[in-house]
Amino acid sequence: MRARVHITLKSGVLDPQGEAIRHALGALGFDGVERVRQGKVIELELADADPEAARARVREMCEKLLANTVIENYQIEIL
């Protein structure tokens, strides 16, 4: 079973990487990009057969390691 975790910065947290991307897009001629928020995607291959058990394990992984829950949100997809 596969799981995909989408991690993004919480609203209100400054995103210097997103701002650098926005600036670079403008320099490349991509006008009109007003805001960029950068995040990350983590894909996991799991041995779990039960989707709910897999989701619970991935949630625990996010809380303990994968996401900095002080400044980041995460969304879990079981594929």
PDB file of N, CA and C in Angstrom:
ATOM      1  N   MET A   1       0.857  -1.167   0.000  1.00  0.00           N
ATOM      2  CA  MET A   1       0.000   0.000   0.000  1.00  0.00           C
ATOM      3  C   MET A   1       0.905   1.233   0.000  1.00  0.00           C
ATOM      4  N   ARG A   2       0.468   2.269  -0.716  1.00  0.00           N
ATOM      5  CA  ARG A   2       1.242   3.508  -0.761  1.00  0.00           C
ATOM      6  C   ARG A   2       0.488   4.619  -0.055  1.00  0.00           C
ATOM      7  N   ALA A   3       1.260   5.509   0.520  1.00  0.00           N
ATOM      8  CA  ALA A   3       0.692   6.705   1.127  1.00  0.00           C
ATOM      9  C   ALA A   3       1.460   7.908   0.595  1.00  0.00           C
ATOM     10  N   ARG A   4       0.747   8.979   0.409  1.00  0.00           N
ATOM     11  CA  ARG A   4       1.352  10.235  -0.040  1.00  0.00           C
ATOM     12  C   ARG A   4       0.983  11.300   0.985  1.00  0.00           C
ATOM     13  N   VAL A   5       1.996  12.041   1.443  1.00  0.00           N
ATOM     14  CA  VAL A   5       1.788  13.099   2.425  1.00  0.00           C
ATOM     15  C   VAL A   5       2.142  14.434   1.771  1.00  0.00           C
ATOM     16  N   HIS A   6       1.186  15.360   1.777  1.00  0.00           N
ATOM     17  CA  HIS A   6       1.401  16.711   1.274  1.00  0.00           C
ATOM     18  C   HIS A   6       1.627  17.611   2.482  1.00  0.00           C
ATOM     19  N   ILE A   7       2.774  18.289   2.508  1.00  0.00           N
ATOM     20  CA  ILE A   7       3.115  19.138   3.639  1.00  0.00           C
ATOM     21  C   ILE A   7       3.244  20.574   3.143  1.00  0.00           C
ATOM     22  N   THR A   8       2.519  21.481   3.796  1.00  0.00           N
ATOM     23  CA  THR A   8       2.558  22.895   3.434  1.00  0.00           C
ATOM     24  C   THR A   8       2.715  23.740   4.688  1.00  0.00           C
ATOM     25  N   LEU A   9       3.225  24.942   4.483  1.00  0.00           N
ATOM     26  CA  LEU A   9       3.344  25.860   5.604  1.00  0.00           C
ATOM     27  C   LEU A   9       1.966  26.358   6.016  1.00  0.00           C
ATOM     28  N   LYS A  10       1.785  26.560   7.315  1.00  0.00           N
ATOM     29  CA  LYS A  10       0.532  27.109   7.808  1.00  0.00           C
ATOM     30  C   LYS A  10       0.378  28.546   7.334  1.00  0.00           C
ATOM     31  N   SER A  11      -0.862  28.967   7.224  1.00  0.00           N
ATOM     32  CA  SER A  11      -1.161  30.340   6.836  1.00  0.00           C
ATOM     33  C   SER A  11      -0.508  31.286   7.840  1.00  0.00           C
ATOM     34  N   GLY A  12       0.093  32.337   7.331  1.00  0.00           N
ATOM     35  CA  GLY A  12       0.722  33.320   8.199  1.00  0.00           C
ATOM     36  C   GLY A  12       2.203  33.068   8.442  1.00  0.00           C
ATOM     37  N   VAL A  13       2.698  31.876   8.094  1.00  0.00           N
ATOM     38  CA  VAL A  13       4.123  31.578   8.245  1.00  0.00           C
ATOM     39  C   VAL A  13       4.837  32.084   6.996  1.00  0.00           C
ATOM     40  N   LEU A  14       5.892  32.859   7.184  1.00  0.00           N
ATOM     41  CA  LEU A  14       6.647  33.373   6.048  1.00  0.00           C
ATOM     42  C   LEU A  14       7.241  32.223   5.247  1.00  0.00           C
ATOM     43  N   ASP A  15       7.275  32.383   3.923  1.00  0.00           N
ATOM     44  CA  ASP A  15       7.773  31.345   3.028  1.00  0.00           C
ATOM     45  C   ASP A  15       8.861  31.941   2.135  1.00  0.00           C
ATOM     46  N   PRO A  16      10.105  32.024   2.617  1.00  0.00           N
ATOM     47  CA  PRO A  16      11.164  32.624   1.802  1.00  0.00           C
ATOM     48  C   PRO A  16      11.448  31.852   0.516  1.00  0.00           C
ATOM     49  N   GLN A  17      11.298  30.525   0.525  1.00  0.00           N
ATOM     50  CA  GLN A  17      11.500  29.756  -0.706  1.00  0.00           C
ATOM     51  C   GLN A  17      10.416  30.081  -1.724  1.00  0.00           C
ATOM     52  N   GLY A  18       9.182  30.184  -1.260  1.00  0.00           N
ATOM     53  CA  GLY A  18       8.096  30.558  -2.163  1.00  0.00           C
ATOM     54  C   GLY A  18       8.318  31.933  -2.761  1.00  0.00           C
ATOM     55  N   GLU A  19       8.795  32.871  -1.947  1.00  0.00           N
ATOM     56  CA  GLU A  19       9.068  34.227  -2.445  1.00  0.00           C
ATOM     57  C   GLU A  19      10.210  34.218  -3.459  1.00  0.00           C
ATOM     58  N   ALA A  20      11.236  33.408  -3.227  1.00  0.00           N
ATOM     59  CA  ALA A  20      12.337  33.300  -4.185  1.00  0.00           C
ATOM     60  C   ALA A  20      11.842  32.715  -5.514  1.00  0.00           C
ATOM     61  N   ILE A  21      10.956  31.731  -5.453  1.00  0.00           N
ATOM     62  CA  ILE A  21      10.384  31.152  -6.672  1.00  0.00           C
ATOM     63  C   ILE A  21       9.566  32.200  -7.416  1.00  0.00           C
ATOM     64  N   ARG A  22       8.732  32.952  -6.683  1.00  0.00           N
ATOM     65  CA  ARG A  22       7.917  33.991  -7.304  1.00  0.00           C
ATOM     66  C   ARG A  22       8.805  35.016  -8.010  1.00  0.00           C
ATOM     67  N   HIS A  23       9.869  35.430  -7.347  1.00  0.00           N
ATOM     68  CA  HIS A  23      10.796  36.405  -7.929  1.00  0.00           C
ATOM     69  C   HIS A  23      11.460  35.829  -9.192  1.00  0.00           C
ATOM     70  N   ALA A  24      11.909  34.574  -9.125  1.00  0.00           N
ATOM     71  CA  ALA A  24      12.559  33.940 -10.273  1.00  0.00           C
ATOM     72  C   ALA A  24      11.597  33.793 -11.448  1.00  0.00           C
ATOM     73  N   LEU A  25      10.346  33.457 -11.167  1.00  0.00           N
ATOM     74  CA  LEU A  25       9.354  33.360 -12.252  1.00  0.00           C
ATOM     75  C   LEU A  25       9.181  34.701 -12.942  1.00  0.00           C
ATOM     76  N   GLY A  26       9.125  35.777 -12.162  1.00  0.00           N
ATOM     77  CA  GLY A  26       9.030  37.113 -12.748  1.00  0.00           C
ATOM     78  C   GLY A  26      10.237  37.438 -13.611  1.00  0.00           C
ATOM     79  N   ALA A  27      11.421  37.068 -13.145  1.00  0.00           N
ATOM     80  CA  ALA A  27      12.651  37.320 -13.900  1.00  0.00           C
ATOM     81  C   ALA A  27      12.679  36.525 -15.203  1.00  0.00           C
ATOM     82  N   LEU A  28      11.975  35.398 -15.242  1.00  0.00           N
ATOM     83  CA  LEU A  28      11.904  34.577 -16.458  1.00  0.00           C
ATOM     84  C   LEU A  28      10.764  34.998 -17.388  1.00  0.00           C
ATOM     85  N   GLY A  29      10.058  36.060 -17.014  1.00  0.00           N
ATOM     86  CA  GLY A  29       9.002  36.569 -17.865  1.00  0.00           C
ATOM     87  C   GLY A  29       7.611  36.076 -17.536  1.00  0.00           C
ATOM     88  N   PHE A  30       7.452  35.343 -16.470  1.00  0.00           N
ATOM     89  CA  PHE A  30       6.136  34.866 -16.063  1.00  0.00           C
ATOM     90  C   PHE A  30       5.494  35.907 -15.158  1.00  0.00           C
ATOM     91  N   ASP A  31       4.910  36.911 -15.781  1.00  0.00           N
ATOM     92  CA  ASP A  31       4.301  38.009 -15.038  1.00  0.00           C
ATOM     93  C   ASP A  31       2.966  37.577 -14.434  1.00  0.00           C
ATOM     94  N   GLY A  32       2.536  38.316 -13.426  1.00  0.00           N
ATOM     95  CA  GLY A  32       1.222  38.095 -12.845  1.00  0.00           C
ATOM     96  C   GLY A  32       1.172  37.051 -11.744  1.00  0.00           C
ATOM     97  N   VAL A  33       2.319  36.478 -11.385  1.00  0.00           N
ATOM     98  CA  VAL A  33       2.339  35.536 -10.267  1.00  0.00           C
ATOM     99  C   VAL A  33       2.476  36.372  -8.999  1.00  0.00           C
ATOM    100  N   GLU A  34       1.407  36.431  -8.220  1.00  0.00           N
ATOM    101  CA  GLU A  34       1.388  37.309  -7.062  1.00  0.00           C
ATOM    102  C   GLU A  34       1.873  36.637  -5.784  1.00  0.00           C
ATOM    103  N   ARG A  35       1.736  35.330  -5.696  1.00  0.00           N
ATOM    104  CA  ARG A  35       2.130  34.640  -4.466  1.00  0.00           C
ATOM    105  C   ARG A  35       2.468  33.188  -4.787  1.00  0.00           C
ATOM    106  N   VAL A  36       3.502  32.674  -4.150  1.00  0.00           N
ATOM    107  CA  VAL A  36       3.881  31.266  -4.283  1.00  0.00           C
ATOM    108  C   VAL A  36       4.099  30.716  -2.877  1.00  0.00           C
ATOM    109  N   ARG A  37       3.507  29.574  -2.603  1.00  0.00           N
ATOM    110  CA  ARG A  37       3.751  28.849  -1.355  1.00  0.00           C
ATOM    111  C   ARG A  37       4.389  27.531  -1.749  1.00  0.00           C
ATOM    112  N   GLN A  38       5.532  27.240  -1.197  1.00  0.00           N
ATOM    113  CA  GLN A  38       6.279  26.045  -1.528  1.00  0.00           C
ATOM    114  C   GLN A  38       6.025  25.002  -0.451  1.00  0.00           C
ATOM    115  N   GLY A  39       5.934  23.735  -0.846  1.00  0.00           N
ATOM    116  CA  GLY A  39       5.717  22.647   0.101  1.00  0.00           C
ATOM    117  C   GLY A  39       6.511  21.433  -0.313  1.00  0.00           C
ATOM    118  N   LYS A  40       6.126  20.287   0.234  1.00  0.00           N
ATOM    119  CA  LYS A  40       6.817  19.058  -0.137  1.00  0.00           C
ATOM    120  C   LYS A  40       5.823  17.905  -0.145  1.00  0.00           C
ATOM    121  N   VAL A  41       6.187  16.876  -0.896  1.00  0.00           N
ATOM    122  CA  VAL A  41       5.381  15.657  -0.985  1.00  0.00           C
ATOM    123  C   VAL A  41       6.295  14.489  -0.618  1.00  0.00           C
ATOM    124  N   ILE A  42       5.802  13.635   0.272  1.00  0.00           N
ATOM    125  CA  ILE A  42       6.548  12.444   0.678  1.00  0.00           C
ATOM    126  C   ILE A  42       5.692  11.233   0.338  1.00  0.00           C
ATOM    127  N   GLU A  43       6.274  10.269  -0.385  1.00  0.00           N
ATOM    128  CA  GLU A  43       5.565   9.027  -0.712  1.00  0.00           C
ATOM    129  C   GLU A  43       6.178   7.885   0.075  1.00  0.00           C
ATOM    130  N   LEU A  44       5.312   7.060   0.641  1.00  0.00           N
ATOM    131  CA  LEU A  44       5.744   5.935   1.464  1.00  0.00           C
ATOM    132  C   LEU A  44       5.142   4.643   0.928  1.00  0.00           C
ATOM    133  N   GLU A  45       5.937   3.591   0.881  1.00  0.00           N
ATOM    134  CA  GLU A  45       5.453   2.242   0.583  1.00  0.00           C
ATOM    135  C   GLU A  45       5.271   1.549   1.929  1.00  0.00           C
ATOM    136  N   LEU A  46       4.070   1.077   2.196  1.00  0.00           N
ATOM    137  CA  LEU A  46       3.748   0.489   3.492  1.00  0.00           C
ATOM    138  C   LEU A  46       3.342  -0.975   3.363  1.00  0.00           C
ATOM    139  N   ALA A  47       3.634  -1.756   4.398  1.00  0.00           N
ATOM    140  CA  ALA A  47       3.245  -3.167   4.417  1.00  0.00           C
ATOM    141  C   ALA A  47       1.804  -3.347   4.887  1.00  0.00           C
ATOM    142  N   ASP A  48       1.203  -2.313   5.451  1.00  0.00           N
ATOM    143  CA  ASP A  48      -0.157  -2.404   5.983  1.00  0.00           C
ATOM    144  C   ASP A  48      -1.152  -2.839   4.905  1.00  0.00           C
ATOM    145  N   ALA A  49      -2.113  -3.678   5.285  1.00  0.00           N
ATOM    146  CA  ALA A  49      -3.179  -4.092   4.370  1.00  0.00           C
ATOM    147  C   ALA A  49      -4.452  -3.287   4.633  1.00  0.00           C
ATOM    148  N   ASP A  50      -4.604  -2.784   5.849  1.00  0.00           N
ATOM    149  CA  ASP A  50      -5.799  -2.032   6.236  1.00  0.00           C
ATOM    150  C   ASP A  50      -5.560  -0.531   6.043  1.00  0.00           C
ATOM    151  N   PRO A  51      -6.348   0.118   5.170  1.00  0.00           N
ATOM    152  CA  PRO A  51      -6.136   1.542   4.903  1.00  0.00           C
ATOM    153  C   PRO A  51      -6.232   2.423   6.154  1.00  0.00           C
ATOM    154  N   GLU A  52      -7.131   2.118   7.060  1.00  0.00           N
ATOM    155  CA  GLU A  52      -7.262   2.950   8.262  1.00  0.00           C
ATOM    156  C   GLU A  52      -6.061   2.781   9.190  1.00  0.00           C
ATOM    157  N   ALA A  53      -5.551   1.575   9.283  1.00  0.00           N
ATOM    158  CA  ALA A  53      -4.338   1.346  10.077  1.00  0.00           C
ATOM    159  C   ALA A  53      -3.154   2.069   9.450  1.00  0.00           C
ATOM    160  N   ALA A  54      -3.074   2.015   8.123  1.00  0.00           N
ATOM    161  CA  ALA A  54      -2.001   2.723   7.417  1.00  0.00           C
ATOM    162  C   ALA A  54      -2.104   4.224   7.663  1.00  0.00           C
ATOM    163  N   ARG A  55      -3.308   4.779   7.558  1.00  0.00           N
ATOM    164  CA  ARG A  55      -3.503   6.211   7.786  1.00  0.00           C
ATOM    165  C   ARG A  55      -3.080   6.597   9.205  1.00  0.00           C
ATOM    166  N   ALA A  56      -3.433   5.778  10.178  1.00  0.00           N
ATOM    167  CA  ALA A  56      -3.072   6.056  11.575  1.00  0.00           C
ATOM    168  C   ALA A  56      -1.556   6.041  11.757  1.00  0.00           C
ATOM    169  N   ARG A  57      -0.883   5.065  11.141  1.00  0.00           N
ATOM    170  CA  ARG A  57       0.587   5.011  11.244  1.00  0.00           C
ATOM    171  C   ARG A  57       1.234   6.207  10.585  1.00  0.00           C
ATOM    172  N   VAL A  58       0.754   6.591   9.409  1.00  0.00           N
ATOM    173  CA  VAL A  58       1.329   7.738   8.703  1.00  0.00           C
ATOM    174  C   VAL A  58       1.069   9.025   9.489  1.00  0.00           C
ATOM    175  N   ARG A  59      -0.104   9.148  10.084  1.00  0.00           N
ATOM    176  CA  ARG A  59      -0.396  10.317  10.929  1.00  0.00           C
ATOM    177  C   ARG A  59       0.618  10.405  12.065  1.00  0.00           C
ATOM    178  N   GLU A  60       0.903   9.261  12.691  1.00  0.00           N
ATOM    179  CA  GLU A  60       1.890   9.234  13.776  1.00  0.00           C
ATOM    180  C   GLU A  60       3.279   9.622  13.257  1.00  0.00           C
ATOM    181  N   MET A  61       3.633   9.140  12.061  1.00  0.00           N
ATOM    182  CA  MET A  61       4.917   9.512  11.450  1.00  0.00           C
ATOM    183  C   MET A  61       5.002  11.022  11.232  1.00  0.00           C
ATOM    184  N   CYS A  62       3.908  11.594  10.764  1.00  0.00           N
ATOM    185  CA  CYS A  62       3.875  13.037  10.524  1.00  0.00           C
ATOM    186  C   CYS A  62       4.046  13.813  11.824  1.00  0.00           C
ATOM    187  N   GLU A  63       3.339  13.383  12.845  1.00  0.00           N
ATOM    188  CA  GLU A  63       3.395  14.076  14.139  1.00  0.00           C
ATOM    189  C   GLU A  63       4.769  13.975  14.789  1.00  0.00           C
ATOM    190  N   LYS A  64       5.473  12.864  14.557  1.00  0.00           N
ATOM    191  CA  LYS A  64       6.763  12.648  15.210  1.00  0.00           C
ATOM    192  C   LYS A  64       7.967  13.081  14.385  1.00  0.00           C
ATOM    193  N   LEU A  65       7.844  13.066  13.032  1.00  0.00           N
ATOM    194  CA  LEU A  65       9.032  13.311  12.219  1.00  0.00           C
ATOM    195  C   LEU A  65       8.789  14.082  10.923  1.00  0.00           C
ATOM    196  N   LEU A  66       7.824  13.657  10.131  1.00  0.00           N
ATOM    197  CA  LEU A  66       7.727  14.148   8.757  1.00  0.00           C
ATOM    198  C   LEU A  66       7.330  15.613   8.643  1.00  0.00           C
ATOM    199  N   ALA A  67       6.501  16.101   9.548  1.00  0.00           N
ATOM    200  CA  ALA A  67       6.038  17.494   9.491  1.00  0.00           C
ATOM    201  C   ALA A  67       6.395  18.206  10.788  1.00  0.00           C
ATOM    202  N   ASN A  68       6.749  19.459  10.657  1.00  0.00           N
ATOM    203  CA  ASN A  68       6.932  20.307  11.832  1.00  0.00           C
ATOM    204  C   ASN A  68       5.570  20.926  12.116  1.00  0.00           C
ATOM    205  N   THR A  69       4.811  20.304  12.998  1.00  0.00           N
ATOM    206  CA  THR A  69       3.412  20.687  13.179  1.00  0.00           C
ATOM    207  C   THR A  69       3.232  22.061  13.817  1.00  0.00           C
ATOM    208  N   VAL A  70       4.299  22.683  14.263  1.00  0.00           N
ATOM    209  CA  VAL A  70       4.212  24.053  14.768  1.00  0.00           C
ATOM    210  C   VAL A  70       3.961  25.013  13.607  1.00  0.00           C
ATOM    211  N   ILE A  71       4.620  24.760  12.471  1.00  0.00           N
ATOM    212  CA  ILE A  71       4.520  25.688  11.333  1.00  0.00           C
ATOM    213  C   ILE A  71       3.965  25.052  10.066  1.00  0.00           C
ATOM    214  N   GLU A  72       3.738  23.721  10.065  1.00  0.00           N
ATOM    215  CA  GLU A  72       3.300  23.043   8.853  1.00  0.00           C
ATOM    216  C   GLU A  72       1.989  22.283   9.069  1.00  0.00           C
ATOM    217  N   ASN A  73       1.210  22.217   7.999  1.00  0.00           N
ATOM    218  CA  ASN A  73       0.029  21.363   7.923  1.00  0.00           C
ATOM    219  C   ASN A  73       0.391  20.155   7.057  1.00  0.00           C
ATOM    220  N   TYR A  74      -0.339  19.075   7.235  1.00  0.00           N
ATOM    221  CA  TYR A  74      -0.129  17.928   6.354  1.00  0.00           C
ATOM    222  C   TYR A  74      -1.470  17.299   6.013  1.00  0.00           C
ATOM    223  N   GLN A  75      -1.475  16.668   4.838  1.00  0.00           N
ATOM    224  CA  GLN A  75      -2.650  15.950   4.349  1.00  0.00           C
ATOM    225  C   GLN A  75      -2.180  14.577   3.878  1.00  0.00           C
ATOM    226  N   ILE A  76      -2.874  13.542   4.297  1.00  0.00           N
ATOM    227  CA  ILE A  76      -2.483  12.168   3.980  1.00  0.00           C
ATOM    228  C   ILE A  76      -3.424  11.586   2.930  1.00  0.00           C
ATOM    229  N   GLU A  77      -2.833  10.985   1.906  1.00  0.00           N
ATOM    230  CA  GLU A  77      -3.599  10.216   0.909  1.00  0.00           C
ATOM    231  C   GLU A  77      -3.143   8.760   1.011  1.00  0.00           C
ATOM    232  N   ILE A  78      -4.088   7.844   1.103  1.00  0.00           N
ATOM    233  CA  ILE A  78      -3.772   6.421   1.011  1.00  0.00           C
ATOM    234  C   ILE A  78      -4.134   5.995  -0.401  1.00  0.00           C
ATOM    235  N   LEU A  79      -3.146   5.476  -1.112  1.00  0.00           N
ATOM    236  CA  LEU A  79      -3.313   5.166  -2.549  1.00  0.00           C
ATOM    237  C   LEU A  79      -3.494   3.672  -2.769  1.00  0.00           C
TER     238      LEU A  79
END
